Amino acid sequence: MTLSLKNTVLWNPSSDVDTPNHAFQEKAVTVVSRLAQIYDIYLIIHINSDDEREQIDKLLQKAGLMDVLDSRKILRCSTEEGKIHMIRHIEPHVHIEGGWELDDGEDIVRKIRPFVNKVVWIITRRRRSSFNQARLKESDQGILGPNVELTEKLIETSLALEVGIEVADQS
């Protein structure tokens, strides 16, 4: 499994990518810890600066994720193309994508979908509504497929359910 960290596990409320202020999404640490018990996880982090890398590394350490993830499988990139290359090289059965501060990951999902068995794409409700089949734009036809799961939060995915995080647990 490959897991793109931003907008899936972490979020940055700052619109300025040069001012990292990351925090964990609701119950994301629990979901990742449980996924790590059954999946071989490669964490992919889109990094914009050394300060951001340091902040994210501290968050992962403090949350205990460095104890459940193999540090050799924590990968960093600075471009979407770099992320796509890593995903294609690893050839995961599952990829979880959320984009980064300036993009929702659409291009990444579009380019990896033919090569990954299951893509979980975490996007905003507003963006997700644009994929309503009745209103689907022609330009969006190529991104959806039977192997793409759209959701707003990691805790609402089929993967969270697979590791015992149920909707009733979301208090």
Protein backbone atom coordinates (compact mmCIF):
# COMPACT_ATOMS: atom_id res chain seq x y z
CA MET A 1 0.00 0.00 0.00
CA THR A 2 1.14 3.52 -0.76
CA LEU A 3 -0.30 6.35 1.29
CA SER A 4 0.04 9.98 0.32
CA LEU A 5 0.17 11.73 3.70
CA LYS A 6 -1.27 15.16 2.96
CA ASN A 7 -5.05 15.69 3.07
CA THR A 8 -5.47 12.05 4.07
CA VAL A 9 -3.68 11.68 7.41
CA LEU A 10 -2.46 15.26 7.79
CA TRP A 11 -4.03 18.57 6.87
CA ASN A 12 -2.63 22.07 6.76
CA PRO A 13 -5.12 24.83 7.55
CA SER A 14 -2.70 27.43 6.18
CA SER A 15 -3.16 28.32 2.52
CA ASP A 16 0.50 29.40 2.46
CA VAL A 17 2.60 26.34 1.61
CA ASP A 18 5.64 28.14 3.01
CA THR A 19 4.01 28.27 6.46
CA PRO A 20 3.45 24.64 7.45
CA ASN A 21 0.97 24.15 10.27
CA HIS A 22 0.04 20.49 9.96
CA ALA A 23 -2.23 18.49 12.23
CA PHE A 24 -3.68 14.99 12.10
CA GLN A 25 -7.10 14.33 10.60
CA GLU A 26 -9.68 12.80 12.95
CA LYS A 27 -8.68 9.25 14.01
CA ALA A 28 -6.10 9.08 11.21
CA VAL A 29 -3.34 7.84 13.52
CA THR A 30 -5.55 4.94 14.64
CA VAL A 31 -6.46 4.03 11.06
CA VAL A 32 -2.81 4.11 9.90
CA SER A 33 -1.67 2.09 12.93
CA ARG A 34 -4.27 -0.57 12.20
CA LEU A 35 -3.57 -0.58 8.46
CA ALA A 36 0.13 -1.10 9.25
CA GLN A 37 -0.80 -4.38 10.97
CA ILE A 38 -2.11 -5.87 7.72
CA TYR A 39 -0.48 -3.85 4.92
CA ASP A 40 3.11 -3.09 3.99
CA ILE A 41 2.80 0.72 3.93
CA TYR A 42 4.94 3.13 1.95
CA LEU A 43 4.23 6.64 3.18
CA ILE A 44 4.71 9.33 0.51
CA ILE A 45 5.07 12.91 1.68
CA HIS A 46 4.97 15.90 -0.68
CA ILE A 47 7.47 18.28 0.96
CA ASN A 48 7.64 22.02 0.24
CA SER A 49 10.48 23.02 2.60
CA ASP A 50 12.98 21.78 5.17
CA ASP A 51 10.85 23.34 7.93
CA GLU A 52 7.84 21.38 6.73
CA ARG A 53 9.81 18.14 6.63
CA GLU A 54 11.00 18.72 10.19
CA GLN A 55 7.48 19.51 11.42
CA ILE A 56 5.95 16.43 9.77
CA ASP A 57 8.74 14.16 11.05
CA LYS A 58 8.12 15.43 14.61
CA LEU A 59 4.35 14.87 14.28
CA LEU A 60 4.87 11.30 13.06
CA GLN A 61 7.31 10.60 15.90
CA LYS A 62 5.12 12.15 18.60
CA ALA A 63 2.05 10.23 17.39
CA GLY A 64 3.96 6.93 17.59
CA LEU A 65 3.67 6.23 13.86
CA MET A 66 7.44 5.82 13.56
CA ASP A 67 7.00 2.76 15.81
CA VAL A 68 4.56 1.06 13.41
CA LEU A 69 5.99 2.20 10.05
CA ASP A 70 9.31 1.19 8.52
CA SER A 71 11.37 4.42 8.36
CA ARG A 72 12.97 3.16 5.13
CA LYS A 73 9.50 3.27 3.55
CA ILE A 74 8.83 6.90 4.35
CA LEU A 75 9.43 8.58 1.03
CA ARG A 76 9.51 12.27 0.20
CA CYS A 77 9.03 14.19 -3.02
CA SER A 78 8.63 17.80 -4.08
CA THR A 79 6.54 17.33 -7.24
CA GLU A 80 3.44 15.45 -8.34
CA GLU A 81 5.46 13.75 -11.07
CA GLY A 82 7.87 12.50 -8.40
CA LYS A 83 4.97 11.06 -6.44
CA ILE A 84 3.52 9.38 -9.53
CA HIS A 85 6.93 7.86 -10.31
CA MET A 86 7.22 6.44 -6.78
CA ILE A 87 3.73 4.95 -6.89
CA ARG A 88 4.30 3.36 -10.30
CA HIS A 89 7.69 1.98 -9.18
CA ILE A 90 6.32 0.45 -5.96
CA GLU A 91 3.32 -1.07 -7.81
CA PRO A 92 0.96 -1.11 -4.82
CA HIS A 93 -2.35 -2.95 -4.78
CA VAL A 94 -3.86 0.03 -2.92
CA HIS A 95 -3.03 3.73 -3.05
CA ILE A 96 -4.60 6.44 -0.88
CA GLU A 97 -4.39 9.94 -2.41
CA GLY A 98 -5.35 13.37 -1.11
CA GLY A 99 -3.19 15.70 -3.16
CA TRP A 100 -1.35 18.50 -1.38
CA GLU A 101 -1.97 22.12 -0.38
CA LEU A 102 -2.35 23.42 -3.94
CA ASP A 103 -4.05 20.48 -5.63
CA ASP A 104 -6.57 17.74 -4.79
CA GLY A 105 -4.62 14.96 -6.51
CA GLU A 106 -6.81 14.60 -9.59
CA ASP A 107 -3.89 14.33 -12.02
CA ILE A 108 -2.21 11.75 -9.80
CA VAL A 109 -5.37 9.63 -9.60
CA ARG A 110 -5.91 9.93 -13.35
CA LYS A 111 -2.35 8.77 -14.10
CA ILE A 112 -2.11 5.88 -11.61
CA ARG A 113 -5.67 4.52 -11.87
CA PRO A 114 -4.85 2.17 -14.77
CA PHE A 115 -1.96 0.63 -12.80
CA VAL A 116 -3.28 0.31 -9.23
CA ASN A 117 -5.98 -2.19 -8.23
CA LYS A 118 -7.66 0.19 -5.79
CA VAL A 119 -7.30 3.96 -5.49
CA VAL A 120 -8.87 5.69 -2.50
CA TRP A 121 -9.20 9.38 -3.35
CA ILE A 122 -9.93 11.67 -0.43
CA ILE A 123 -11.44 14.95 -1.61
CA THR A 124 -13.78 17.64 -0.31
CA ARG A 125 -17.55 17.15 -0.37
CA ARG A 126 -17.90 20.01 -2.85
CA ARG A 127 -15.35 18.46 -5.21
CA ARG A 128 -16.85 15.00 -4.76
CA SER A 129 -20.29 16.27 -5.78
CA SER A 130 -18.83 17.23 -9.18
CA PHE A 131 -18.46 13.48 -9.84
CA ASN A 132 -22.21 12.87 -9.57
CA GLN A 133 -22.98 10.65 -12.58
CA ALA A 134 -25.91 12.84 -13.64
CA ARG A 135 -23.68 15.93 -13.85
CA LEU A 136 -20.35 14.36 -14.78
CA LYS A 137 -18.33 16.57 -17.10
CA GLU A 138 -16.73 14.95 -20.11
CA SER A 139 -13.27 15.95 -18.81
CA ASP A 140 -13.91 13.95 -15.62
CA GLN A 141 -14.95 10.74 -17.41
CA GLY A 142 -11.41 9.32 -17.43
CA ILE A 143 -10.77 9.67 -13.73
CA LEU A 144 -13.51 7.50 -12.30
CA GLY A 145 -13.61 3.77 -12.58
CA PRO A 146 -14.60 0.70 -10.60
CA ASN A 147 -11.25 0.83 -8.81
CA VAL A 148 -11.59 4.43 -7.53
CA GLU A 149 -13.24 5.05 -4.16
CA LEU A 150 -14.21 8.68 -3.49
CA THR A 151 -14.53 9.86 0.10
CA GLU A 152 -14.04 12.92 2.29
CA LYS A 153 -12.12 11.35 5.19
CA LEU A 154 -9.81 8.43 5.78
CA ILE A 155 -12.08 7.21 8.59
CA GLU A 156 -14.96 6.91 6.11
CA THR A 157 -13.16 4.58 3.68
CA SER A 158 -13.67 0.89 3.09
CA LEU A 159 -10.11 0.46 4.38
CA ALA A 160 -11.04 2.00 7.75
CA LEU A 161 -13.99 -0.37 7.92
CA GLU A 162 -11.65 -3.25 7.03
CA VAL A 163 -9.53 -2.48 10.14
CA GLY A 164 -12.51 -2.07 12.44
CA ILE A 165 -13.19 1.67 12.33
CA GLU A 166 -16.94 1.89 11.87
CA VAL A 167 -19.11 4.94 11.26
CA ALA A 168 -20.55 4.51 14.78
CA ASP A 169 -16.99 4.95 16.14
CA GLN A 170 -16.82 8.45 14.64
CA SER A 171 -17.87 10.47 17.65
